[in-house]
Amino acid sequence: MATKKDSIIKLLSRSNGATIAQMQKATGWQAHSIRAALTGLRKAGHKISRDSKTKGLAVYRVSAEAAS
């Protein structure tokens, strides 16, 4: 069974990444919980980037390799 954290990583691994709203829909979490999960993933060694799109939405992506 996949965890909500696994769901977030899967969304972030897509070529187009994921917005906070997309991660909220997938997990049922509130925005502050998503941001905390992203922080936890960074601390665990995942390289997560944040890009801004034209509509002002931030899109998050994770690289295929975790940092050492």
C-alpha atoms as a PDB file:
ATOM      1  CA  MET A   1       0.000   0.000   0.000  1.00  0.00           C
ATOM      2  CA  ALA A   2       1.408   3.367  -1.020  1.00  0.00           C
ATOM      3  CA  THR A   3       1.679   6.068   1.605  1.00  0.00           C
ATOM      4  CA  LYS A   4       0.668   9.684   1.124  1.00  0.00           C
ATOM      5  CA  LYS A   5       4.370  10.554   1.066  1.00  0.00           C
ATOM      6  CA  ASP A   6       4.803   8.084  -1.810  1.00  0.00           C
ATOM      7  CA  SER A   7       1.913   9.784  -3.612  1.00  0.00           C
ATOM      8  CA  ILE A   8       3.612  13.166  -3.244  1.00  0.00           C
ATOM      9  CA  ILE A   9       6.921  11.809  -4.551  1.00  0.00           C
ATOM     10  CA  LYS A  10       5.125  10.249  -7.529  1.00  0.00           C
ATOM     11  CA  LEU A  11       3.453  13.573  -8.367  1.00  0.00           C
ATOM     12  CA  LEU A  12       6.721  15.485  -7.986  1.00  0.00           C
ATOM     13  CA  SER A  13       8.508  12.991 -10.243  1.00  0.00           C
ATOM     14  CA  ARG A  14       6.246  13.741 -13.213  1.00  0.00           C
ATOM     15  CA  SER A  15       7.876  15.764 -15.991  1.00  0.00           C
ATOM     16  CA  ASN A  16       5.486  18.662 -15.369  1.00  0.00           C
ATOM     17  CA  GLY A  17       5.779  18.419 -11.566  1.00  0.00           C
ATOM     18  CA  ALA A  18       2.900  19.242  -9.237  1.00  0.00           C
ATOM     19  CA  THR A  19       1.262  22.228  -7.598  1.00  0.00           C
ATOM     20  CA  ILE A  20       0.264  22.430  -3.949  1.00  0.00           C
ATOM     21  CA  ALA A  21      -3.386  22.081  -5.034  1.00  0.00           C
ATOM     22  CA  GLN A  22      -2.656  18.870  -6.956  1.00  0.00           C
ATOM     23  CA  MET A  23      -0.835  17.403  -3.961  1.00  0.00           C
ATOM     24  CA  GLN A  24      -3.726  18.440  -1.687  1.00  0.00           C
ATOM     25  CA  LYS A  25      -6.218  16.663  -3.939  1.00  0.00           C
ATOM     26  CA  ALA A  26      -4.104  13.497  -3.986  1.00  0.00           C
ATOM     27  CA  THR A  27      -3.557  13.350  -0.214  1.00  0.00           C
ATOM     28  CA  GLY A  28      -6.486  15.183   1.350  1.00  0.00           C
ATOM     29  CA  TRP A  29      -3.995  17.283   3.324  1.00  0.00           C
ATOM     30  CA  GLN A  30      -4.103  21.030   3.873  1.00  0.00           C
ATOM     31  CA  ALA A  31      -1.540  23.294   2.189  1.00  0.00           C
ATOM     32  CA  HIS A  32       0.568  23.745   5.337  1.00  0.00           C
ATOM     33  CA  SER A  33       0.830  19.961   5.696  1.00  0.00           C
ATOM     34  CA  ILE A  34       2.001  19.639   2.085  1.00  0.00           C
ATOM     35  CA  ARG A  35       4.665  22.292   2.658  1.00  0.00           C
ATOM     36  CA  ALA A  36       5.807  20.479   5.819  1.00  0.00           C
ATOM     37  CA  ALA A  37       6.001  17.207   3.877  1.00  0.00           C
ATOM     38  CA  LEU A  38       8.123  18.914   1.208  1.00  0.00           C
ATOM     39  CA  THR A  39      10.459  20.149   3.940  1.00  0.00           C
ATOM     40  CA  GLY A  40      10.682  16.625   5.332  1.00  0.00           C
ATOM     41  CA  LEU A  41      11.510  15.241   1.901  1.00  0.00           C
ATOM     42  CA  ARG A  42      14.257  17.850   1.494  1.00  0.00           C
ATOM     43  CA  LYS A  43      15.706  16.924   4.890  1.00  0.00           C
ATOM     44  CA  ALA A  44      15.618  13.265   3.835  1.00  0.00           C
ATOM     45  CA  GLY A  45      17.842  14.129   0.867  1.00  0.00           C
ATOM     46  CA  HIS A  46      15.400  14.668  -2.002  1.00  0.00           C
ATOM     47  CA  LYS A  47      16.264  17.570  -4.287  1.00  0.00           C
ATOM     48  CA  ILE A  48      13.029  19.500  -4.753  1.00  0.00           C
ATOM     49  CA  SER A  49      12.877  22.528  -7.020  1.00  0.00           C
ATOM     50  CA  ARG A  50      10.195  25.202  -7.117  1.00  0.00           C
ATOM     51  CA  ASP A  51       9.334  26.998 -10.357  1.00  0.00           C
ATOM     52  CA  SER A  52       6.778  29.750 -10.860  1.00  0.00           C
ATOM     53  CA  LYS A  53       4.377  29.499 -13.761  1.00  0.00           C
ATOM     54  CA  THR A  54       2.619  32.300 -15.645  1.00  0.00           C
ATOM     55  CA  LYS A  55      -0.557  32.134 -13.562  1.00  0.00           C
ATOM     56  CA  GLY A  56       1.433  32.669 -10.370  1.00  0.00           C
ATOM     57  CA  LEU A  57       1.246  29.029  -9.310  1.00  0.00           C
ATOM     58  CA  ALA A  58       4.364  27.359  -7.981  1.00  0.00           C
ATOM     59  CA  VAL A  59       5.217  24.004  -9.514  1.00  0.00           C
ATOM     60  CA  TYR A  60       7.378  21.629  -7.517  1.00  0.00           C
ATOM     61  CA  ARG A  61       9.585  18.882  -8.964  1.00  0.00           C
ATOM     62  CA  VAL A  62      11.916  16.293  -7.497  1.00  0.00           C
ATOM     63  CA  SER A  63      15.037  15.022  -9.218  1.00  0.00           C
ATOM     64  CA  ALA A  64      15.313  11.307  -9.929  1.00  0.00           C
ATOM     65  CA  GLU A  65      18.304  10.971  -7.609  1.00  0.00           C
ATOM     66  CA  ALA A  66      18.307  11.828  -3.928  1.00  0.00           C
ATOM     67  CA  ALA A  67      21.163  13.903  -2.575  1.00  0.00           C
ATOM     68  CA  SER A  68      23.858  12.147  -0.599  1.00  0.00           C
END
